[in-house]
Amino acid sequence: MTEENNLQDDLKDKTKGFTDEANETASDFAQSAKQTFAAGPGENKKVLAGILAILLGALGVHKFILGYNKEGIILLSITLIGILTTCLVIGVFILWIPGIIGLIEGIIYLTKSDVEFYQTYQVGKKPWF
């Protein structure tokens, strides 16, 4: 009988240890989820803005997505001026400027963490880089 009691006690101890570990893991996960989605899961536009900045950065689409209308109009205007002056040599160089800005911003957007992106560009409203 004592051997059965010892086995039962060992089983109870292992079960209690497993339960405590599961509770701790669940608590850690809940804390991590709260930090990740502090902004709300639907509020973060990091991936969309990053991809659009890389693909259509010269048109300023990523700026409009983030709500920076003035900056989006600036990029779009520079692109249109570049297109209109392509018959002159200077237009080709003007077209490079918003494209490079979009590429750099797209890379920056995609390399930031979700929380850092949200705090910097959506809460802090940092318009450039």
Protein backbone atom coordinates (compact mmCIF):
# COMPACT_ATOMS: atom_id res chain seq x y z
CA MET A 1 0.00 0.00 0.00
CA THR A 2 2.80 2.44 0.76
CA GLU A 3 4.22 1.95 -2.71
CA GLU A 4 0.85 2.93 -4.20
CA ASN A 5 0.72 5.96 -1.92
CA ASN A 6 4.22 6.97 -3.00
CA LEU A 7 3.23 6.63 -6.67
CA GLN A 8 0.08 8.66 -6.06
CA ASP A 9 2.05 11.36 -4.25
CA ASP A 10 4.62 11.48 -7.07
CA LEU A 11 1.81 11.72 -9.63
CA LYS A 12 0.15 14.53 -7.66
CA ASP A 13 3.46 16.42 -7.41
CA LYS A 14 4.13 16.06 -11.14
CA THR A 15 0.57 17.13 -11.98
CA LYS A 16 0.86 20.16 -9.70
CA GLY A 17 4.22 21.07 -11.28
CA PHE A 18 2.76 20.73 -14.77
CA THR A 19 -0.27 22.84 -13.83
CA ASP A 20 1.90 25.56 -12.30
CA GLU A 21 4.15 25.63 -15.37
CA ALA A 22 1.12 25.80 -17.72
CA ASN A 23 -0.35 28.69 -15.72
CA GLU A 24 2.94 30.57 -15.81
CA THR A 25 3.29 30.04 -19.57
CA ALA A 26 -0.29 31.20 -20.16
CA SER A 27 0.31 34.28 -18.03
CA ASP A 28 3.50 35.11 -19.97
CA PHE A 29 1.66 34.66 -23.27
CA ALA A 30 -1.18 36.91 -22.15
CA GLN A 31 1.28 39.62 -21.09
CA SER A 32 3.10 39.38 -24.43
CA ALA A 33 -0.19 39.57 -26.35
CA LYS A 34 -1.22 42.67 -24.42
CA GLN A 35 2.04 44.40 -25.32
CA THR A 36 1.88 43.36 -28.96
CA PHE A 37 -1.70 44.44 -29.47
CA ALA A 38 -1.71 47.47 -27.19
CA ALA A 39 -2.55 49.51 -30.26
CA GLY A 40 -5.32 47.16 -31.35
CA PRO A 41 -4.76 44.54 -34.05
CA GLY A 42 -6.68 46.45 -36.72
CA GLU A 43 -4.79 49.70 -36.17
CA ASN A 44 -1.32 48.65 -37.32
CA LYS A 45 -0.71 49.32 -41.01
CA LYS A 46 2.99 48.38 -41.03
CA VAL A 47 3.00 45.68 -43.71
CA LEU A 48 0.63 47.49 -46.07
CA ALA A 49 2.53 50.79 -45.78
CA GLY A 50 5.91 49.06 -46.13
CA ILE A 51 5.01 47.13 -49.27
CA LEU A 52 3.30 50.12 -50.87
CA ALA A 53 6.30 52.31 -50.02
CA ILE A 54 8.63 49.89 -51.81
CA LEU A 55 6.39 49.36 -54.84
CA LEU A 56 4.65 52.73 -55.22
CA GLY A 57 6.77 54.96 -53.01
CA ALA A 58 7.31 57.54 -55.73
CA LEU A 59 3.57 58.21 -55.78
CA GLY A 60 3.39 58.64 -52.01
CA VAL A 61 0.67 56.02 -51.57
CA HIS A 62 2.17 54.83 -48.27
CA LYS A 63 1.93 58.36 -46.89
CA PHE A 64 -1.78 58.53 -47.70
CA ILE A 65 -2.32 55.11 -46.04
CA LEU A 66 -0.71 56.40 -42.82
CA GLY A 67 -2.73 59.63 -42.95
CA TYR A 68 0.12 61.96 -43.96
CA ASN A 69 -1.71 63.73 -46.76
CA LYS A 70 0.64 66.72 -47.03
CA GLU A 71 3.71 64.47 -47.36
CA GLY A 72 1.89 62.24 -49.86
CA ILE A 73 1.04 65.25 -52.01
CA ILE A 74 4.68 66.38 -51.86
CA LEU A 75 5.93 63.00 -53.14
CA LEU A 76 3.23 62.85 -55.81
CA SER A 77 4.02 66.41 -56.95
CA ILE A 78 7.74 65.68 -57.24
CA THR A 79 6.95 62.60 -59.31
CA LEU A 80 4.59 64.53 -61.60
CA ILE A 81 7.16 67.31 -62.06
CA GLY A 82 9.74 64.66 -62.92
CA ILE A 83 7.41 63.06 -65.46
CA LEU A 84 6.62 66.43 -67.05
CA THR A 85 10.31 67.33 -67.34
CA THR A 86 11.60 63.98 -68.61
CA CYS A 87 12.18 65.50 -72.02
CA LEU A 88 14.82 67.55 -70.25
CA VAL A 89 17.65 65.63 -68.65
CA ILE A 90 16.82 66.95 -65.18
CA GLY A 91 13.42 65.18 -65.13
CA VAL A 92 15.06 61.77 -65.00
CA PHE A 93 17.01 62.73 -61.90
CA ILE A 94 13.93 64.27 -60.28
CA LEU A 95 12.07 60.97 -60.72
CA TRP A 96 14.69 59.12 -58.68
CA ILE A 97 14.19 61.23 -55.54
CA PRO A 98 10.69 60.06 -54.45
CA GLY A 99 11.44 56.49 -55.53
CA ILE A 100 14.48 56.30 -53.30
CA ILE A 101 12.59 57.93 -50.43
CA GLY A 102 9.82 55.33 -50.80
CA LEU A 103 12.29 52.44 -50.92
CA ILE A 104 14.11 53.61 -47.79
CA GLU A 105 10.89 54.24 -45.89
CA GLY A 106 9.48 50.85 -46.93
CA ILE A 107 12.54 49.06 -45.60
CA ILE A 108 12.40 51.07 -42.37
CA TYR A 109 8.69 50.31 -41.91
CA LEU A 110 9.13 46.58 -42.44
CA THR A 111 12.14 46.26 -40.14
CA LYS A 112 10.50 47.92 -37.14
CA SER A 113 8.52 45.87 -34.64
CA ASP A 114 4.74 46.26 -34.71
CA VAL A 115 4.63 48.16 -31.44
CA GLU A 116 7.55 50.42 -32.38
CA PHE A 117 6.00 51.18 -35.80
CA TYR A 118 2.65 51.98 -34.25
CA GLN A 119 4.17 54.24 -31.60
CA THR A 120 6.45 56.06 -34.08
CA TYR A 121 4.28 56.55 -37.15
CA GLN A 122 0.68 56.27 -36.00
CA VAL A 123 0.77 57.68 -32.46
CA GLY A 124 3.86 59.90 -32.73
CA LYS A 125 3.04 61.01 -36.28
CA LYS A 126 6.65 61.05 -37.53
CA PRO A 127 6.18 61.93 -41.22
CA TRP A 128 9.64 61.31 -42.73
CA PHE A 129 11.98 58.37 -42.17
